[in-house]
């Protein structure tokens, strides 16, 4: 399996976790994916760019969440 495909699969799974609001903190994600926290922050930035919306950490939900903005 190529490194690029593996990274894409990780991004896809991270995106699912963010949409379900079940990520935990960066340290927990790093443990889940067996990568560094810095890599997690890069992955979150990539998912944010893909969804074209900011991703923020919610202490209340203990998860990263998509911050959709409504335009009326």
PDB file of N, CA and C in Angstrom:
ATOM      1  N   UNK A   1       0.850  -1.180   0.000  1.00  0.00           N
ATOM      2  CA  UNK A   1       0.000   0.000   0.000  1.00  0.00           C
ATOM      3  C   UNK A   1       0.888   1.233   0.000  1.00  0.00           C
ATOM      4  N   UNK A   2       0.558   2.182  -0.846  1.00  0.00           N
ATOM      5  CA  UNK A   2       1.374   3.390  -0.914  1.00  0.00           C
ATOM      6  C   UNK A   2       1.111   4.279   0.292  1.00  0.00           C
ATOM      7  N   UNK A   3       2.108   5.085   0.638  1.00  0.00           N
ATOM      8  CA  UNK A   3       1.992   5.988   1.783  1.00  0.00           C
ATOM      9  C   UNK A   3       0.868   6.993   1.568  1.00  0.00           C
ATOM     10  N   UNK A   4       0.702   7.460   0.332  1.00  0.00           N
ATOM     11  CA  UNK A   4      -0.349   8.426   0.024  1.00  0.00           C
ATOM     12  C   UNK A   4      -1.742   7.863   0.258  1.00  0.00           C
ATOM     13  N   UNK A   5      -1.937   6.603  -0.139  1.00  0.00           N
ATOM     14  CA  UNK A   5      -3.234   5.965   0.051  1.00  0.00           C
ATOM     15  C   UNK A   5      -3.509   5.768   1.538  1.00  0.00           C
ATOM     16  N   UNK A   6      -2.508   5.364   2.279  1.00  0.00           N
ATOM     17  CA  UNK A   6      -2.667   5.168   3.713  1.00  0.00           C
ATOM     18  C   UNK A   6      -3.045   6.503   4.378  1.00  0.00           C
ATOM     19  N   UNK A   7      -2.392   7.583   3.980  1.00  0.00           N
ATOM     20  CA  UNK A   7      -2.705   8.901   4.529  1.00  0.00           C
ATOM     21  C   UNK A   7      -4.138   9.287   4.171  1.00  0.00           C
ATOM     22  N   UNK A   8      -4.555   9.037   2.938  1.00  0.00           N
ATOM     23  CA  UNK A   8      -5.912   9.338   2.505  1.00  0.00           C
ATOM     24  C   UNK A   8      -6.930   8.554   3.327  1.00  0.00           C
ATOM     25  N   UNK A   9      -6.651   7.297   3.596  1.00  0.00           N
ATOM     26  CA  UNK A   9      -7.549   6.472   4.404  1.00  0.00           C
ATOM     27  C   UNK A   9      -7.649   7.022   5.829  1.00  0.00           C
ATOM     28  N   UNK A  10      -6.521   7.466   6.368  1.00  0.00           N
ATOM     29  CA  UNK A  10      -6.534   8.071   7.702  1.00  0.00           C
ATOM     30  C   UNK A  10      -7.366   9.351   7.705  1.00  0.00           C
ATOM     31  N   UNK A  11      -7.201  10.178   6.665  1.00  0.00           N
ATOM     32  CA  UNK A  11      -7.989  11.407   6.573  1.00  0.00           C
ATOM     33  C   UNK A  11      -9.478  11.099   6.482  1.00  0.00           C
ATOM     34  N   UNK A  12      -9.819  10.097   5.723  1.00  0.00           N
ATOM     35  CA  UNK A  12     -11.213   9.706   5.575  1.00  0.00           C
ATOM     36  C   UNK A  12     -11.792   9.269   6.921  1.00  0.00           C
ATOM     37  N   UNK A  13     -11.046   8.464   7.661  1.00  0.00           N
ATOM     38  CA  UNK A  13     -11.503   8.006   8.970  1.00  0.00           C
ATOM     39  C   UNK A  13     -11.587   9.174   9.948  1.00  0.00           C
ATOM     40  N   UNK A  14     -10.605  10.073   9.927  1.00  0.00           N
ATOM     41  CA  UNK A  14     -10.629  11.248  10.788  1.00  0.00           C
ATOM     42  C   UNK A  14     -11.847  12.107  10.466  1.00  0.00           C
ATOM     43  N   UNK A  15     -12.156  12.282   9.199  1.00  0.00           N
ATOM     44  CA  UNK A  15     -13.318  13.050   8.790  1.00  0.00           C
ATOM     45  C   UNK A  15     -14.600  12.443   9.369  1.00  0.00           C
ATOM     46  N   UNK A  16     -14.702  11.122   9.318  1.00  0.00           N
ATOM     47  CA  UNK A  16     -15.868  10.432   9.895  1.00  0.00           C
ATOM     48  C   UNK A  16     -15.963  10.686  11.397  1.00  0.00           C
ATOM     49  N   UNK A  17     -14.838  10.582  12.095  1.00  0.00           N
ATOM     50  CA  UNK A  17     -14.833  10.818  13.540  1.00  0.00           C
ATOM     51  C   UNK A  17     -15.243  12.252  13.869  1.00  0.00           C
ATOM     52  N   UNK A  18     -14.765  13.209  13.084  1.00  0.00           N
ATOM     53  CA  UNK A  18     -15.119  14.610  13.316  1.00  0.00           C
ATOM     54  C   UNK A  18     -16.609  14.824  13.073  1.00  0.00           C
ATOM     55  N   UNK A  19     -17.140  14.252  12.004  1.00  0.00           N
ATOM     56  CA  UNK A  19     -18.559  14.405  11.709  1.00  0.00           C
ATOM     57  C   UNK A  19     -19.426  13.785  12.801  1.00  0.00           C
ATOM     58  N   UNK A  20     -18.954  12.691  13.412  1.00  0.00           N
ATOM     59  CA  UNK A  20     -19.691  12.041  14.507  1.00  0.00           C
ATOM     60  C   UNK A  20     -19.394  12.685  15.861  1.00  0.00           C
ATOM     61  N   UNK A  21     -18.448  13.626  15.875  1.00  0.00           N
ATOM     62  CA  UNK A  21     -17.993  14.312  17.083  1.00  0.00           C
ATOM     63  C   UNK A  21     -17.512  13.311  18.135  1.00  0.00           C
ATOM     64  N   UNK A  22     -16.649  12.400  17.688  1.00  0.00           N
ATOM     65  CA  UNK A  22     -16.109  11.359  18.559  1.00  0.00           C
ATOM     66  C   UNK A  22     -14.598  11.220  18.392  1.00  0.00           C
ATOM     67  N   UNK A  23     -13.888  12.355  18.361  1.00  0.00           N
ATOM     68  CA  UNK A  23     -12.449  12.292  18.122  1.00  0.00           C
ATOM     69  C   UNK A  23     -11.627  12.163  19.393  1.00  0.00           C
ATOM     70  N   UNK A  24     -12.073  12.784  20.481  1.00  0.00           N
ATOM     71  CA  UNK A  24     -11.212  12.931  21.644  1.00  0.00           C
ATOM     72  C   UNK A  24     -10.219  14.052  21.363  1.00  0.00           C
ATOM     73  N   UNK A  25      -9.256  14.212  22.229  1.00  0.00           N
ATOM     74  CA  UNK A  25      -8.256  15.276  22.056  1.00  0.00           C
ATOM     75  C   UNK A  25      -7.166  14.842  21.069  1.00  0.00           C
ATOM     76  N   UNK A  26      -6.275  15.759  20.758  1.00  0.00           N
ATOM     77  CA  UNK A  26      -5.205  15.477  19.785  1.00  0.00           C
ATOM     78  C   UNK A  26      -4.319  14.315  20.244  1.00  0.00           C
ATOM     79  N   UNK A  27      -4.030  14.252  21.535  1.00  0.00           N
ATOM     80  CA  UNK A  27      -3.189  13.163  22.047  1.00  0.00           C
ATOM     81  C   UNK A  27      -3.875  11.808  21.854  1.00  0.00           C
ATOM     82  N   UNK A  28      -5.185  11.764  22.070  1.00  0.00           N
ATOM     83  CA  UNK A  28      -5.926  10.513  21.871  1.00  0.00           C
ATOM     84  C   UNK A  28      -5.945  10.120  20.397  1.00  0.00           C
ATOM     85  N   UNK A  29      -6.132  11.114  19.528  1.00  0.00           N
ATOM     86  CA  UNK A  29      -6.108  10.838  18.089  1.00  0.00           C
ATOM     87  C   UNK A  29      -4.730  10.343  17.650  1.00  0.00           C
ATOM     88  N   UNK A  30      -3.686  10.972  18.177  1.00  0.00           N
ATOM     89  CA  UNK A  30      -2.326  10.561  17.838  1.00  0.00           C
ATOM     90  C   UNK A  30      -2.110   9.100  18.218  1.00  0.00           C
ATOM     91  N   UNK A  31      -2.638   8.712  19.351  1.00  0.00           N
ATOM     92  CA  UNK A  31      -2.534   7.321  19.797  1.00  0.00           C
ATOM     93  C   UNK A  31      -3.353   6.400  18.883  1.00  0.00           C
ATOM     94  N   UNK A  32      -4.544   6.831  18.520  1.00  0.00           N
ATOM     95  CA  UNK A  32      -5.412   6.042  17.640  1.00  0.00           C
ATOM     96  C   UNK A  32      -4.755   5.784  16.289  1.00  0.00           C
ATOM     97  N   UNK A  33      -4.157   6.816  15.713  1.00  0.00           N
ATOM     98  CA  UNK A  33      -3.549   6.709  14.391  1.00  0.00           C
ATOM     99  C   UNK A  33      -2.075   6.324  14.432  1.00  0.00           C
ATOM    100  N   UNK A  34      -1.509   6.242  15.630  1.00  0.00           N
ATOM    101  CA  UNK A  34      -0.096   5.917  15.813  1.00  0.00           C
ATOM    102  C   UNK A  34       0.800   6.903  15.051  1.00  0.00           C
ATOM    103  N   UNK A  35       0.502   8.197  15.259  1.00  0.00           N
ATOM    104  CA  UNK A  35       1.285   9.280  14.668  1.00  0.00           C
ATOM    105  C   UNK A  35       1.529  10.329  15.746  1.00  0.00           C
ATOM    106  N   UNK A  36       2.302  11.348  15.426  1.00  0.00           N
ATOM    107  CA  UNK A  36       2.553  12.427  16.386  1.00  0.00           C
ATOM    108  C   UNK A  36       1.366  13.387  16.437  1.00  0.00           C
ATOM    109  N   UNK A  37       1.309  14.163  17.510  1.00  0.00           N
ATOM    110  CA  UNK A  37       0.253  15.173  17.613  1.00  0.00           C
ATOM    111  C   UNK A  37       0.385  16.193  16.489  1.00  0.00           C
ATOM    112  N   UNK A  38       1.611  16.531  16.102  1.00  0.00           N
ATOM    113  CA  UNK A  38       1.825  17.482  15.001  1.00  0.00           C
ATOM    114  C   UNK A  38       1.183  16.958  13.714  1.00  0.00           C
ATOM    115  N   UNK A  39       1.306  15.660  13.462  1.00  0.00           N
ATOM    116  CA  UNK A  39       0.677  15.059  12.286  1.00  0.00           C
ATOM    117  C   UNK A  39      -0.834  15.159  12.380  1.00  0.00           C
ATOM    118  N   UNK A  40      -1.381  14.995  13.575  1.00  0.00           N
ATOM    119  CA  UNK A  40      -2.823  15.129  13.778  1.00  0.00           C
ATOM    120  C   UNK A  40      -3.271  16.538  13.404  1.00  0.00           C
ATOM    121  N   UNK A  41      -2.519  17.549  13.839  1.00  0.00           N
ATOM    122  CA  UNK A  41      -2.884  18.928  13.502  1.00  0.00           C
ATOM    123  C   UNK A  41      -2.840  19.157  11.987  1.00  0.00           C
ATOM    124  N   UNK A  42      -1.880  18.554  11.304  1.00  0.00           N
ATOM    125  CA  UNK A  42      -1.817  18.657   9.838  1.00  0.00           C
ATOM    126  C   UNK A  42      -3.023  17.964   9.203  1.00  0.00           C
ATOM    127  N   UNK A  43      -3.361  16.799   9.738  1.00  0.00           N
ATOM    128  CA  UNK A  43      -4.503  16.055   9.207  1.00  0.00           C
ATOM    129  C   UNK A  43      -5.805  16.840   9.414  1.00  0.00           C
ATOM    130  N   UNK A  44      -5.963  17.460  10.576  1.00  0.00           N
ATOM    131  CA  UNK A  44      -7.151  18.264  10.845  1.00  0.00           C
ATOM    132  C   UNK A  44      -7.223  19.434   9.863  1.00  0.00           C
ATOM    133  N   UNK A  45      -6.096  20.056   9.592  1.00  0.00           N
ATOM    134  CA  UNK A  45      -6.053  21.153   8.617  1.00  0.00           C
ATOM    135  C   UNK A  45      -6.454  20.656   7.233  1.00  0.00           C
ATOM    136  N   UNK A  46      -6.014  19.471   6.853  1.00  0.00           N
ATOM    137  CA  UNK A  46      -6.377  18.904   5.550  1.00  0.00           C
ATOM    138  C   UNK A  46      -7.881  18.615   5.475  1.00  0.00           C
ATOM    139  N   UNK A  47      -8.434  18.058   6.547  1.00  0.00           N
ATOM    140  CA  UNK A  47      -9.877  17.772   6.578  1.00  0.00           C
ATOM    141  C   UNK A  47     -10.659  19.082   6.529  1.00  0.00           C
ATOM    142  N   UNK A  48     -10.188  20.081   7.252  1.00  0.00           N
ATOM    143  CA  UNK A  48     -10.829  21.398   7.256  1.00  0.00           C
ATOM    144  C   UNK A  48     -10.837  21.988   5.841  1.00  0.00           C
ATOM    145  N   UNK A  49      -9.724  21.870   5.160  1.00  0.00           N
ATOM    146  CA  UNK A  49      -9.622  22.372   3.793  1.00  0.00           C
ATOM    147  C   UNK A  49     -10.567  21.610   2.864  1.00  0.00           C
ATOM    148  N   UNK A  50     -10.638  20.306   3.020  1.00  0.00           N
ATOM    149  CA  UNK A  50     -11.519  19.475   2.192  1.00  0.00           C
ATOM    150  C   UNK A  50     -12.983  19.880   2.377  1.00  0.00           C
ATOM    151  N   UNK A  51     -13.395  20.071   3.635  1.00  0.00           N
ATOM    152  CA  UNK A  51     -14.783  20.441   3.929  1.00  0.00           C
ATOM    153  C   UNK A  51     -15.031  21.941   3.722  1.00  0.00           C
ATOM    154  N   UNK A  52     -13.959  22.685   3.524  1.00  0.00           N
ATOM    155  CA  UNK A  52     -14.035  24.130   3.332  1.00  0.00           C
ATOM    156  C   UNK A  52     -14.755  24.807   4.503  1.00  0.00           C
ATOM    157  N   UNK A  53     -14.456  24.345   5.703  1.00  0.00           N
ATOM    158  CA  UNK A  53     -15.029  24.918   6.913  1.00  0.00           C
ATOM    159  C   UNK A  53     -14.046  24.733   8.070  1.00  0.00           C
ATOM    160  N   UNK A  54     -14.032  25.675   9.001  1.00  0.00           N
ATOM    161  CA  UNK A  54     -13.116  25.538  10.135  1.00  0.00           C
ATOM    162  C   UNK A  54     -13.472  24.347  11.016  1.00  0.00           C
ATOM    163  N   UNK A  55     -12.460  23.791  11.642  1.00  0.00           N
ATOM    164  CA  UNK A  55     -12.643  22.721  12.616  1.00  0.00           C
ATOM    165  C   UNK A  55     -12.099  23.234  13.937  1.00  0.00           C
ATOM    166  N   UNK A  56     -12.915  23.139  14.955  1.00  0.00           N
ATOM    167  CA  UNK A  56     -12.546  23.613  16.285  1.00  0.00           C
ATOM    168  C   UNK A  56     -12.670  22.478  17.284  1.00  0.00           C
ATOM    169  N   UNK A  57     -11.917  22.581  18.391  1.00  0.00           N
ATOM    170  CA  UNK A  57     -12.044  21.594  19.455  1.00  0.00           C
ATOM    171  C   UNK A  57     -13.093  22.071  20.446  1.00  0.00           C
ATOM    172  N   UNK A  58     -14.062  21.213  20.762  1.00  0.00           N
ATOM    173  CA  UNK A  58     -15.090  21.511  21.748  1.00  0.00           C
ATOM    174  C   UNK A  58     -14.738  20.795  23.044  1.00  0.00           C
ATOM    175  N   UNK A  59     -14.420  21.567  24.086  1.00  0.00           N
ATOM    176  CA  UNK A  59     -14.129  20.956  25.386  1.00  0.00           C
ATOM    177  C   UNK A  59     -15.363  20.250  25.932  1.00  0.00           C
ATOM    178  N   UNK A  60     -16.514  20.836  25.683  1.00  0.00           N
ATOM    179  CA  UNK A  60     -17.763  20.273  26.176  1.00  0.00           C
ATOM    180  C   UNK A  60     -18.007  18.875  25.595  1.00  0.00           C
ATOM    181  N   UNK A  61     -17.728  18.707  24.317  1.00  0.00           N
ATOM    182  CA  UNK A  61     -17.946  17.424  23.649  1.00  0.00           C
ATOM    183  C   UNK A  61     -16.692  16.557  23.633  1.00  0.00           C
ATOM    184  N   UNK A  62     -15.573  17.125  24.053  1.00  0.00           N
ATOM    185  CA  UNK A  62     -14.270  16.452  23.992  1.00  0.00           C
ATOM    186  C   UNK A  62     -14.026  15.879  22.599  1.00  0.00           C
ATOM    187  N   UNK A  63     -14.240  16.734  21.607  1.00  0.00           N
ATOM    188  CA  UNK A  63     -14.098  16.308  20.222  1.00  0.00           C
ATOM    189  C   UNK A  63     -13.847  17.515  19.327  1.00  0.00           C
ATOM    190  N   UNK A  64     -13.182  17.255  18.221  1.00  0.00           N
ATOM    191  CA  UNK A  64     -13.085  18.263  17.170  1.00  0.00           C
ATOM    192  C   UNK A  64     -14.408  18.258  16.420  1.00  0.00           C
ATOM    193  N   UNK A  65     -14.872  19.446  16.044  1.00  0.00           N
ATOM    194  CA  UNK A  65     -16.150  19.572  15.365  1.00  0.00           C
ATOM    195  C   UNK A  65     -16.023  20.511  14.172  1.00  0.00           C
ATOM    196  N   UNK A  66     -16.861  20.287  13.166  1.00  0.00           N
ATOM    197  CA  UNK A  66     -16.926  21.187  12.019  1.00  0.00           C
ATOM    198  C   UNK A  66     -17.754  22.395  12.434  1.00  0.00           C
ATOM    199  N   UNK A  67     -17.289  23.586  12.086  1.00  0.00           N
ATOM    200  CA  UNK A  67     -18.017  24.798  12.405  1.00  0.00           C
ATOM    201  C   UNK A  67     -18.676  25.323  11.128  1.00  0.00           C
ATOM    202  N   UNK A  68     -19.868  24.820  10.872  1.00  0.00           N
ATOM    203  CA  UNK A  68     -20.597  25.284   9.700  1.00  0.00           C
ATOM    204  C   UNK A  68     -21.131  26.680   9.954  1.00  0.00           C
ATOM    205  N   UNK A  69     -21.120  27.475   8.924  1.00  0.00           N
ATOM    206  CA  UNK A  69     -21.689  28.815   9.026  1.00  0.00           C
ATOM    207  C   UNK A  69     -22.888  28.873   8.102  1.00  0.00           C
ATOM    208  N   UNK A  70     -23.933  29.464   8.595  1.00  0.00           N
ATOM    209  CA  UNK A  70     -25.154  29.602   7.787  1.00  0.00           C
ATOM    210  C   UNK A  70     -25.148  30.955   7.100  1.00  0.00           C
ATOM    211  N   UNK A  71     -25.473  30.941   5.828  1.00  0.00           N
ATOM    212  CA  UNK A  71     -25.569  32.175   5.058  1.00  0.00           C
ATOM    213  C   UNK A  71     -27.036  32.348   4.666  1.00  0.00           C
ATOM    214  N   UNK A  72     -27.623  33.448   5.096  1.00  0.00           N
ATOM    215  CA  UNK A  72     -29.033  33.702   4.798  1.00  0.00           C
ATOM    216  C   UNK A  72     -29.168  34.835   3.843  1.00  0.00           C
TER     217      UNK A  72
END
